Amino acid sequence: MKMHSLCEGNHLDLRVGQNRREFLYSGMLGGMGLTLPGLLKLEAEMMVPDVPKVDAKCDSIIHIYLPGGMAHQESWDPKPFASADYRGPLTPVKTKLPGVYFGEHFQKTAEIADKICVIRSMTHGEAAHERGTHNMFTGYRPNPAIKFPSFGSIISHELGSKNNLPPYVCVPSTPNEFAMSGYMSSAYGPFSLGGDPANSGFSVRDLSRPGDVSEQRFERRRNLLQSVDAHFRALEKSDALDSMDSFYQSAYSLISSQKAREAFDLTKETDKLRDEYGRNSAGQRFLLARRMAEAGVRLVTVTYGGWDMHSDIKGGFKNTAPQFDVAYARLIRDLEERGMLDRTLVMVSSEFGRTPKINATNGRDHYPRVFSVALAGGGLKKGLVYGSSDALGGEPDSNPVGPESLAKTMYRLIGINSEKRILSGGNRPIDIVNGGEVLNDIIA
């Protein structure tokens, strides 16, 4: 039998039972001077094939997260013809779309329904806050063996920074542990404002040089720090050092760039526009998110309100929803007026919905089997309701959508092929998203 050409000149004969790793170890480890860990890393990289690139339809994403589990019945998917114990205590309002209703406190949003896309058939199986939140920040179901990176961290890793700005920013602060970088380097974690832009005198911490530090002195400190970093990096290679170096570089870029600093400065907006958004947490957070998207931040996560309304859902929505309604509608119109809406994806989500039937304390309990998200801009169709829940809001009735499909669609819009794999710690290749499918029916 003639020896295969790949085996000629090697000491190992693949015809007699040597496996692939032994062949690689002998032929490559010996011939190229690789260590065993280096070889295993090379093998892992061979398991991460290139995937086709996709063209981005949007430049930035504003992810508005409503923690606690907002009731779909009182917001995006009311049931006006159900009995009172399912319909709830609020009166739905008509939208610009024929036959489509929103919740009573979504009157401004109803006026811009022709500009947005509502998915009424979101579903997953996690009824606990932490687990539901994990789904909606990562596109993965929780797994005790691995910490998955957030949407923002994946986008930061794949697309990097623009205009000296952090690629991933949280407003007003990092909302939960699942908004972090997971198995990836902490260098891809979020930049957190550390304060509410609605507060009087708000400013982002650490964005200005101390008054007694001149520009020349600032640069000398930067160069000295780079020298010290280089010394320690030569002694020890670690994620902590690399991450710290990345944080320092990002910080110096922010401090030294006036344009980057101004992205965080709400005083650059007119008083009239700030009033129209609302001088409150929702209004000023959403306005600041628009400024950051406009300046070049890739993903802004904005958190607003508390929607875990087990009791008195009528009072809860009355206190919380109007601020959101005004600010959200103004954000969509503002983006459109600036010619930004088609290139900015706005996604409104929550960890799950609420039970179809009003409970004994006039509230609704945790319910992941069906709920809603709202999307706008970013290359999506406008004035669309995708999927549906049944007559009582208890199950998906058509086109069920899991967190994986939502994540894949979001990544597709910003130009990331979610079929790609990323190496985790231990050189284990992991899909950006595992399962689901891109929702092509909602893409323009």
Protein backbone atom coordinates (compact mmCIF):
# COMPACT_ATOMS: atom_id res chain seq x y z
CA MET A 1 0.00 0.00 0.00
CA LYS A 2 1.32 3.43 -0.90
CA MET A 3 1.72 5.79 2.06
CA HIS A 4 -0.43 8.92 1.95
CA SER A 5 1.57 11.94 0.86
CA LEU A 6 0.87 13.71 4.15
CA CYS A 7 2.66 10.89 5.98
CA GLU A 8 5.76 10.65 3.82
CA GLY A 9 8.84 11.83 5.71
CA ASN A 10 7.13 11.64 9.12
CA HIS A 11 7.96 9.12 11.80
CA LEU A 12 4.28 8.45 12.48
CA ASP A 13 2.32 6.25 10.10
CA LEU A 14 -1.38 7.12 10.24
CA ARG A 15 -2.19 3.65 8.94
CA VAL A 16 -1.29 2.00 12.22
CA GLY A 17 -3.60 3.74 14.63
CA GLN A 18 -1.94 7.03 15.60
CA ASN A 19 -4.64 9.62 16.15
CA ARG A 20 -4.78 13.19 14.93
CA ARG A 21 -3.40 14.69 18.11
CA GLU A 22 -0.39 12.36 18.11
CA PHE A 23 0.28 13.24 14.49
CA LEU A 24 0.06 16.97 15.25
CA TYR A 25 2.16 16.57 18.37
CA SER A 26 4.98 14.77 16.56
CA GLY A 27 4.90 16.59 13.25
CA MET A 28 4.13 20.12 14.45
CA LEU A 29 5.28 20.21 18.04
CA GLY A 30 8.66 18.79 17.10
CA GLY A 31 9.04 20.57 13.80
CA MET A 32 7.83 24.00 14.91
CA GLY A 33 9.06 24.08 18.48
CA LEU A 34 5.55 24.37 19.96
CA THR A 35 4.82 23.60 23.59
CA LEU A 36 1.89 21.33 24.41
CA PRO A 37 -0.25 24.24 25.64
CA GLY A 38 0.60 26.09 22.44
CA LEU A 39 -0.42 23.08 20.41
CA LEU A 40 -3.72 22.75 22.23
CA LYS A 41 -4.40 26.45 21.62
CA LEU A 42 -3.61 25.97 17.95
CA GLU A 43 -6.01 23.04 17.80
CA ALA A 44 -8.70 25.14 19.46
CA GLU A 45 -8.18 27.93 16.94
CA MET A 46 -8.52 25.38 14.14
CA MET A 47 -11.98 24.64 15.58
CA VAL A 48 -13.01 28.30 15.12
CA PRO A 49 -13.61 28.51 11.37
CA ASP A 50 -14.05 31.78 9.57
CA VAL A 51 -17.67 32.72 8.93
CA PRO A 52 -19.01 34.98 6.18
CA LYS A 53 -19.09 38.66 7.03
CA VAL A 54 -22.44 40.43 7.06
CA ASP A 55 -23.12 44.05 6.18
CA ALA A 56 -24.28 46.20 9.05
CA LYS A 57 -27.68 47.84 8.78
CA CYS A 58 -27.13 49.95 11.89
CA ASP A 59 -24.22 51.68 13.59
CA SER A 60 -25.44 51.72 17.19
CA ILE A 61 -27.91 50.01 19.51
CA ILE A 62 -29.81 51.58 22.39
CA HIS A 63 -31.03 48.79 24.64
CA ILE A 64 -33.67 50.09 27.05
CA TYR A 65 -34.08 47.53 29.80
CA LEU A 66 -37.11 47.56 32.11
CA PRO A 67 -36.12 45.45 35.13
CA GLY A 68 -38.63 43.40 37.08
CA GLY A 69 -40.69 41.97 34.23
CA MET A 70 -43.03 44.49 32.61
CA ALA A 71 -46.57 43.23 32.06
CA HIS A 72 -47.27 42.83 28.36
CA GLN A 73 -51.02 43.18 29.03
CA GLU A 74 -50.59 46.73 30.35
CA SER A 75 -48.09 47.78 27.67
CA TRP A 76 -47.45 46.25 24.23
CA ASP A 77 -50.12 43.53 24.10
CA PRO A 78 -53.34 44.46 25.93
CA LYS A 79 -56.40 42.25 25.70
CA PRO A 80 -59.30 44.74 25.40
CA PHE A 81 -61.92 42.09 24.68
CA ALA A 82 -61.01 39.68 27.50
CA SER A 83 -62.92 39.54 30.77
CA ALA A 84 -61.89 42.01 33.48
CA ASP A 85 -59.86 39.50 35.49
CA TYR A 86 -57.63 38.96 32.44
CA ARG A 87 -57.93 42.38 30.82
CA GLY A 88 -56.78 44.11 33.99
CA PRO A 89 -57.68 47.51 35.47
CA LEU A 90 -56.38 49.75 32.66
CA THR A 91 -58.12 50.82 29.47
CA PRO A 92 -56.16 50.11 26.26
CA VAL A 93 -55.68 52.90 23.71
CA LYS A 94 -55.80 52.73 19.93
CA THR A 95 -52.55 53.19 18.02
CA LYS A 96 -51.84 54.49 14.52
CA LEU A 97 -51.97 50.88 13.32
CA PRO A 98 -55.50 49.61 12.52
CA GLY A 99 -56.75 47.19 15.16
CA VAL A 100 -53.60 47.49 17.31
CA TYR A 101 -53.87 48.65 20.92
CA PHE A 102 -51.28 49.63 23.52
CA GLY A 103 -51.67 50.08 27.27
CA GLU A 104 -53.46 53.07 28.77
CA HIS A 105 -50.24 54.86 29.77
CA PHE A 106 -48.61 54.39 26.34
CA GLN A 107 -50.51 57.19 24.62
CA LYS A 108 -47.46 58.97 23.17
CA THR A 109 -46.03 55.64 22.06
CA ALA A 110 -49.34 54.81 20.36
CA GLU A 111 -48.83 57.90 18.20
CA ILE A 112 -45.51 56.58 16.85
CA ALA A 113 -46.60 52.94 16.48
CA ASP A 114 -46.12 53.31 12.71
CA LYS A 115 -42.39 53.78 13.32
CA ILE A 116 -41.74 50.72 15.49
CA CYS A 117 -41.89 46.92 15.42
CA VAL A 118 -43.43 45.03 18.34
CA ILE A 119 -42.76 41.33 18.89
CA ARG A 120 -45.70 39.92 20.89
CA SER A 121 -44.54 36.30 20.95
CA MET A 122 -41.32 36.34 22.99
CA THR A 123 -40.97 33.22 25.11
CA HIS A 124 -38.56 31.33 27.36
CA GLY A 125 -38.81 29.09 30.40
CA GLU A 126 -37.16 31.12 33.18
CA ALA A 127 -39.55 32.56 35.79
CA ALA A 128 -36.84 33.76 38.23
CA HIS A 129 -35.60 37.33 37.82
CA GLU A 130 -31.91 36.44 37.64
CA ARG A 131 -32.37 33.65 35.11
CA GLY A 132 -34.75 35.64 32.93
CA THR A 133 -32.37 38.61 33.00
CA HIS A 134 -29.52 36.32 31.95
CA ASN A 135 -31.52 35.26 28.88
CA MET A 136 -32.26 38.82 27.83
CA PHE A 137 -28.71 40.13 28.27
CA THR A 138 -26.79 37.24 26.71
CA GLY A 139 -29.11 35.30 24.40
CA TYR A 140 -28.19 32.18 26.38
CA ARG A 141 -29.98 30.15 28.99
CA PRO A 142 -28.09 30.12 32.31
CA ASN A 143 -25.38 27.48 32.62
CA PRO A 144 -23.56 26.92 35.93
CA ALA A 145 -20.43 25.82 34.08
CA ILE A 146 -19.81 29.05 32.19
CA LYS A 147 -20.41 32.79 32.42
CA PHE A 148 -21.62 34.09 29.09
CA PRO A 149 -20.73 37.61 27.92
CA SER A 150 -23.40 40.26 27.51
CA PHE A 151 -24.53 41.67 24.19
CA GLY A 152 -22.42 44.76 24.81
CA SER A 153 -19.28 42.78 25.53
CA ILE A 154 -19.65 40.71 22.36
CA ILE A 155 -20.17 43.90 20.34
CA SER A 156 -17.18 45.52 22.05
CA HIS A 157 -15.01 42.48 21.22
CA GLU A 158 -16.15 42.26 17.60
CA LEU A 159 -16.40 45.94 16.61
CA GLY A 160 -14.12 47.83 19.00
CA SER A 161 -14.28 51.52 19.83
CA LYS A 162 -15.11 54.48 17.63
CA ASN A 163 -14.24 58.15 18.05
CA ASN A 164 -12.28 57.49 21.29
CA LEU A 165 -15.49 56.42 23.02
CA PRO A 166 -16.13 53.21 24.95
CA PRO A 167 -17.94 50.76 22.66
CA TYR A 168 -20.28 49.68 25.47
CA VAL A 169 -21.82 52.05 28.03
CA CYS A 170 -24.37 51.48 30.82
CA VAL A 171 -26.70 54.26 31.97
CA PRO A 172 -26.91 55.10 34.81
CA SER A 173 -24.78 52.15 36.01
CA THR A 174 -24.12 48.49 35.29
CA PRO A 175 -27.58 47.03 35.96
CA ASN A 176 -26.73 43.43 36.84
CA GLU A 177 -23.99 40.80 36.74
CA PHE A 178 -25.16 39.54 33.34
CA ALA A 179 -24.31 42.88 31.72
CA MET A 180 -20.63 42.03 32.19
CA SER A 181 -18.02 40.35 29.98
CA GLY A 182 -18.49 36.75 31.20
CA TYR A 183 -15.77 34.39 29.95
CA MET A 184 -14.19 37.17 27.89
CA SER A 185 -11.54 39.58 29.11
CA SER A 186 -12.86 42.21 31.48
CA ALA A 187 -11.51 44.76 28.99
CA TYR A 188 -14.76 44.19 27.09
CA GLY A 189 -16.93 45.07 30.07
CA PRO A 190 -19.14 48.17 30.17
CA PHE A 191 -18.22 51.76 30.95
CA SER A 192 -20.59 52.76 33.74
CA LEU A 193 -21.65 56.37 34.27
CA GLY A 194 -21.88 55.99 38.04
CA GLY A 195 -24.69 58.52 38.34
CA ASP A 196 -28.15 59.43 37.09
CA PRO A 197 -28.17 62.14 34.40
CA ALA A 198 -31.50 63.34 35.82
CA ASN A 199 -29.74 64.50 38.97
CA SER A 200 -28.90 68.16 39.35
CA GLY A 201 -25.26 68.86 38.53
CA PHE A 202 -24.75 65.44 36.95
CA SER A 203 -21.34 64.80 35.42
CA VAL A 204 -19.54 61.61 34.52
CA ARG A 205 -16.83 60.89 37.06
CA ASP A 206 -13.15 60.95 36.07
CA LEU A 207 -13.63 62.56 32.64
CA SER A 208 -11.73 65.75 33.47
CA ARG A 209 -8.10 66.40 34.37
CA PRO A 210 -7.56 67.69 37.89
CA GLY A 211 -7.32 71.46 37.85
CA ASP A 212 -3.64 71.46 38.87
CA VAL A 213 -2.56 69.03 36.13
CA SER A 214 -1.48 70.69 32.88
CA GLU A 215 -1.68 68.92 29.53
CA GLN A 216 2.10 68.45 29.51
CA ARG A 217 2.06 66.92 32.98
CA PHE A 218 -0.87 64.74 31.98
CA GLU A 219 1.13 63.33 29.04
CA ARG A 220 4.22 62.73 31.23
CA ARG A 221 2.09 60.69 33.63
CA ARG A 222 0.69 58.73 30.71
CA ASN A 223 4.15 57.94 29.34
CA LEU A 224 5.40 56.95 32.81
CA LEU A 225 2.46 54.62 33.26
CA GLN A 226 3.16 53.01 29.89
CA SER A 227 6.76 52.35 30.96
CA VAL A 228 5.69 50.78 34.23
CA ASP A 229 3.09 48.66 32.44
CA ALA A 230 5.68 47.43 29.95
CA HIS A 231 7.98 46.35 32.79
CA PHE A 232 5.33 44.32 34.58
CA ARG A 233 4.00 42.87 31.36
CA ALA A 234 7.44 41.49 30.63
CA LEU A 235 7.34 39.73 34.01
CA GLU A 236 3.83 38.41 33.90
CA LYS A 237 1.26 38.02 31.14
CA SER A 238 -2.30 38.04 32.44
CA ASP A 239 -5.78 39.17 31.60
CA ALA A 240 -5.69 41.53 34.58
CA LEU A 241 -2.73 43.42 33.13
CA ASP A 242 -4.13 43.50 29.63
CA SER A 243 -7.52 44.62 30.93
CA MET A 244 -6.01 47.34 33.09
CA ASP A 245 -3.97 48.58 30.15
CA SER A 246 -7.12 48.69 28.04
CA PHE A 247 -8.99 50.60 30.76
CA TYR A 248 -6.17 53.13 31.06
CA GLN A 249 -6.00 53.65 27.30
CA SER A 250 -9.75 54.15 27.12
CA ALA A 251 -9.65 56.56 30.05
CA TYR A 252 -6.84 58.61 28.52
CA SER A 253 -8.68 58.75 25.20
CA LEU A 254 -11.81 60.03 26.91
CA ILE A 255 -10.01 62.62 29.00
CA SER A 256 -7.85 63.89 26.14
CA SER A 257 -10.65 64.13 23.57
CA GLN A 258 -13.02 67.07 24.00
CA LYS A 259 -15.44 65.58 21.48
CA ALA A 260 -15.58 62.31 23.41
CA ARG A 261 -16.16 64.10 26.72
CA GLU A 262 -18.95 66.19 25.22
CA ALA A 263 -20.89 63.04 24.30
CA PHE A 264 -21.69 62.74 28.02
CA ASP A 265 -22.60 66.41 28.49
CA LEU A 266 -26.35 66.96 28.53
CA THR A 267 -25.91 70.72 28.88
CA LYS A 268 -25.09 70.76 25.17
CA GLU A 269 -28.77 70.00 24.49
CA THR A 270 -31.36 72.77 24.39
CA ASP A 271 -33.59 73.29 27.40
CA LYS A 272 -36.58 72.82 25.11
CA LEU A 273 -35.49 69.34 24.00
CA ARG A 274 -34.60 68.30 27.55
CA ASP A 275 -38.08 69.38 28.65
CA GLU A 276 -39.69 67.43 25.81
CA TYR A 277 -37.89 64.24 26.85
CA GLY A 278 -38.86 64.93 30.47
CA ARG A 279 -36.76 66.24 33.32
CA ASN A 280 -36.80 62.87 35.02
CA SER A 281 -34.87 59.61 35.02
CA ALA A 282 -36.41 58.18 31.85
CA GLY A 283 -36.18 61.40 29.89
CA GLN A 284 -32.61 62.34 30.69
CA ARG A 285 -31.28 58.79 30.44
CA PHE A 286 -32.86 58.27 27.02
CA LEU A 287 -31.58 61.64 25.80
CA LEU A 288 -28.07 60.86 26.97
CA ALA A 289 -28.26 57.49 25.22
CA ARG A 290 -29.12 59.30 21.98
CA ARG A 291 -26.11 61.59 22.42
CA MET A 292 -23.80 58.63 22.94
CA ALA A 293 -25.15 56.73 19.95
CA GLU A 294 -24.76 59.86 17.87
CA ALA A 295 -21.14 60.24 19.01
CA GLY A 296 -20.19 56.64 18.19
CA VAL A 297 -20.90 54.36 21.17
CA ARG A 298 -21.77 50.94 19.74
CA LEU A 299 -24.23 49.78 22.42
CA VAL A 300 -25.83 51.80 25.20
CA THR A 301 -27.77 49.88 27.85
CA VAL A 302 -30.27 52.12 29.63
CA THR A 303 -32.12 50.87 32.69
CA TYR A 304 -35.34 52.48 33.86
CA GLY A 305 -37.99 51.78 36.50
CA GLY A 306 -39.07 48.81 38.57
CA TRP A 307 -41.73 46.65 36.93
CA ASP A 308 -42.12 43.75 39.39
CA MET A 309 -45.75 44.56 40.14
CA HIS A 310 -47.19 41.67 42.14
CA SER A 311 -49.63 44.10 43.78
CA ASP A 312 -51.60 47.15 42.62
CA ILE A 313 -50.49 47.03 39.00
CA LYS A 314 -52.79 49.96 38.25
CA GLY A 315 -50.91 52.23 40.66
CA GLY A 316 -47.56 50.81 39.61
CA PHE A 317 -48.09 51.64 35.96
CA LYS A 318 -49.52 55.04 36.79
CA ASN A 319 -46.31 55.91 38.68
CA THR A 320 -43.80 54.40 36.27
CA ALA A 321 -45.12 54.17 32.70
CA PRO A 322 -45.86 57.84 31.82
CA GLN A 323 -42.19 58.87 32.11
CA PHE A 324 -41.21 56.00 29.87
CA ASP A 325 -43.99 56.76 27.38
CA VAL A 326 -43.02 60.41 26.89
CA ALA A 327 -39.27 59.77 26.76
CA TYR A 328 -39.46 56.76 24.46
CA ALA A 329 -41.74 58.44 21.93
CA ARG A 330 -39.54 61.55 21.92
CA LEU A 331 -36.42 59.41 21.45
CA ILE A 332 -37.86 57.73 18.35
CA ARG A 333 -38.96 61.06 16.87
CA ASP A 334 -35.64 62.68 17.77
CA LEU A 335 -33.67 59.95 16.03
CA GLU A 336 -35.88 60.27 12.97
CA GLU A 337 -35.56 64.07 12.89
CA ARG A 338 -31.77 63.75 12.96
CA GLY A 339 -31.72 61.13 10.22
CA MET A 340 -30.42 58.56 12.71
CA LEU A 341 -33.34 56.19 13.13
CA ASP A 342 -32.55 53.94 10.18
CA ARG A 343 -28.98 53.46 11.50
CA THR A 344 -29.82 53.17 15.21
CA LEU A 345 -31.60 50.14 16.65
CA VAL A 346 -33.70 50.85 19.74
CA MET A 347 -34.65 47.72 21.66
CA VAL A 348 -36.97 47.73 24.68
CA SER A 349 -36.98 44.52 26.70
CA SER A 350 -37.68 43.04 30.12
CA GLU A 351 -36.82 39.67 31.65
CA PHE A 352 -40.31 38.20 31.19
CA GLY A 353 -44.00 39.13 31.20
CA ARG A 354 -46.72 38.71 33.81
CA THR A 355 -49.43 36.15 34.46
CA PRO A 356 -52.54 36.35 32.27
CA LYS A 357 -54.92 36.62 35.23
CA ILE A 358 -54.92 39.38 37.84
CA ASN A 359 -54.03 37.94 41.25
CA ALA A 360 -55.65 38.43 44.67
CA THR A 361 -53.60 41.60 45.35
CA ASN A 362 -54.56 43.23 42.03
CA GLY A 363 -51.19 42.55 40.45
CA ARG A 364 -49.63 40.00 38.14
CA ASP A 365 -46.90 37.46 38.88
CA HIS A 366 -43.83 36.27 36.94
CA TYR A 367 -44.62 34.73 33.57
CA PRO A 368 -42.00 33.80 30.92
CA ARG A 369 -44.19 31.76 28.58
CA VAL A 370 -45.15 34.79 26.50
CA PHE A 371 -44.23 38.48 26.62
CA SER A 372 -43.30 41.36 24.33
CA VAL A 373 -40.31 43.39 23.19
CA ALA A 374 -40.35 46.55 21.09
CA LEU A 375 -37.81 47.37 18.38
CA ALA A 376 -37.37 50.43 16.22
CA GLY A 377 -35.04 51.63 13.50
CA GLY A 378 -31.77 49.92 12.72
CA GLY A 379 -32.87 48.46 9.40
CA LEU A 380 -36.18 47.01 10.59
CA LYS A 381 -39.63 47.25 9.06
CA LYS A 382 -41.81 49.97 10.57
CA GLY A 383 -45.37 49.73 11.80
CA LEU A 384 -45.18 45.99 12.28
CA VAL A 385 -46.56 43.63 14.91
CA TYR A 386 -44.71 40.33 14.66
CA GLY A 387 -46.10 37.21 16.28
CA SER A 388 -49.02 37.10 18.65
CA SER A 389 -50.17 35.75 21.98
CA ASP A 390 -53.43 33.91 22.46
CA ALA A 391 -56.70 35.61 23.45
CA LEU A 392 -55.78 35.68 27.16
CA GLY A 393 -52.09 36.50 26.76
CA GLY A 394 -50.97 33.14 28.09
CA GLU A 395 -49.15 31.44 25.20
CA PRO A 396 -47.58 32.37 21.87
CA ASP A 397 -50.25 31.96 19.21
CA SER A 398 -48.01 32.53 16.21
CA ASN A 399 -44.30 32.92 15.43
CA PRO A 400 -42.78 32.22 18.88
CA VAL A 401 -39.45 34.00 19.37
CA GLY A 402 -36.79 32.92 21.87
CA PRO A 403 -33.96 35.07 23.25
CA GLU A 404 -31.55 33.32 20.87
CA SER A 405 -33.46 34.53 17.80
CA LEU A 406 -33.75 38.05 19.20
CA ALA A 407 -29.99 38.08 19.83
CA LYS A 408 -29.16 36.72 16.39
CA THR A 409 -31.32 39.38 14.76
CA MET A 410 -29.74 42.16 16.80
CA TYR A 411 -26.22 40.98 15.94
CA ARG A 412 -27.15 40.66 12.27
CA LEU A 413 -28.36 44.26 12.20
CA ILE A 414 -25.12 45.62 13.65
CA GLY A 415 -23.01 43.53 11.29
CA ILE A 416 -21.95 40.53 13.41
CA ASN A 417 -22.38 36.98 12.16
CA SER A 418 -23.60 35.19 15.27
CA GLU A 419 -22.48 31.82 13.85
CA LYS A 420 -18.95 32.83 14.74
CA ARG A 421 -17.20 31.14 17.64
CA ILE A 422 -15.09 32.87 20.28
CA LEU A 423 -12.43 31.17 22.40
CA SER A 424 -13.26 31.16 26.10
CA GLY A 425 -10.85 30.48 28.94
CA GLY A 426 -9.27 27.07 28.46
CA ASN A 427 -9.39 27.64 24.69
CA ARG A 428 -12.91 26.33 24.38
CA PRO A 429 -14.69 27.63 21.27
CA ILE A 430 -18.20 28.92 22.02
CA ASP A 431 -20.85 30.17 19.60
CA ILE A 432 -21.76 33.85 19.89
CA VAL A 433 -25.35 32.54 19.87
CA ASN A 434 -26.27 28.87 20.00
CA GLY A 435 -29.62 28.14 18.38
CA GLY A 436 -32.37 30.41 17.15
CA GLU A 437 -32.54 32.13 13.80
CA VAL A 438 -32.39 35.60 12.34
CA LEU A 439 -35.90 37.07 12.08
CA ASN A 440 -35.66 38.01 8.41
CA ASP A 441 -39.39 38.77 8.27
CA ILE A 442 -38.90 41.91 10.36
CA ILE A 443 -35.84 43.21 8.52
CA ALA A 444 -36.54 45.84 5.86
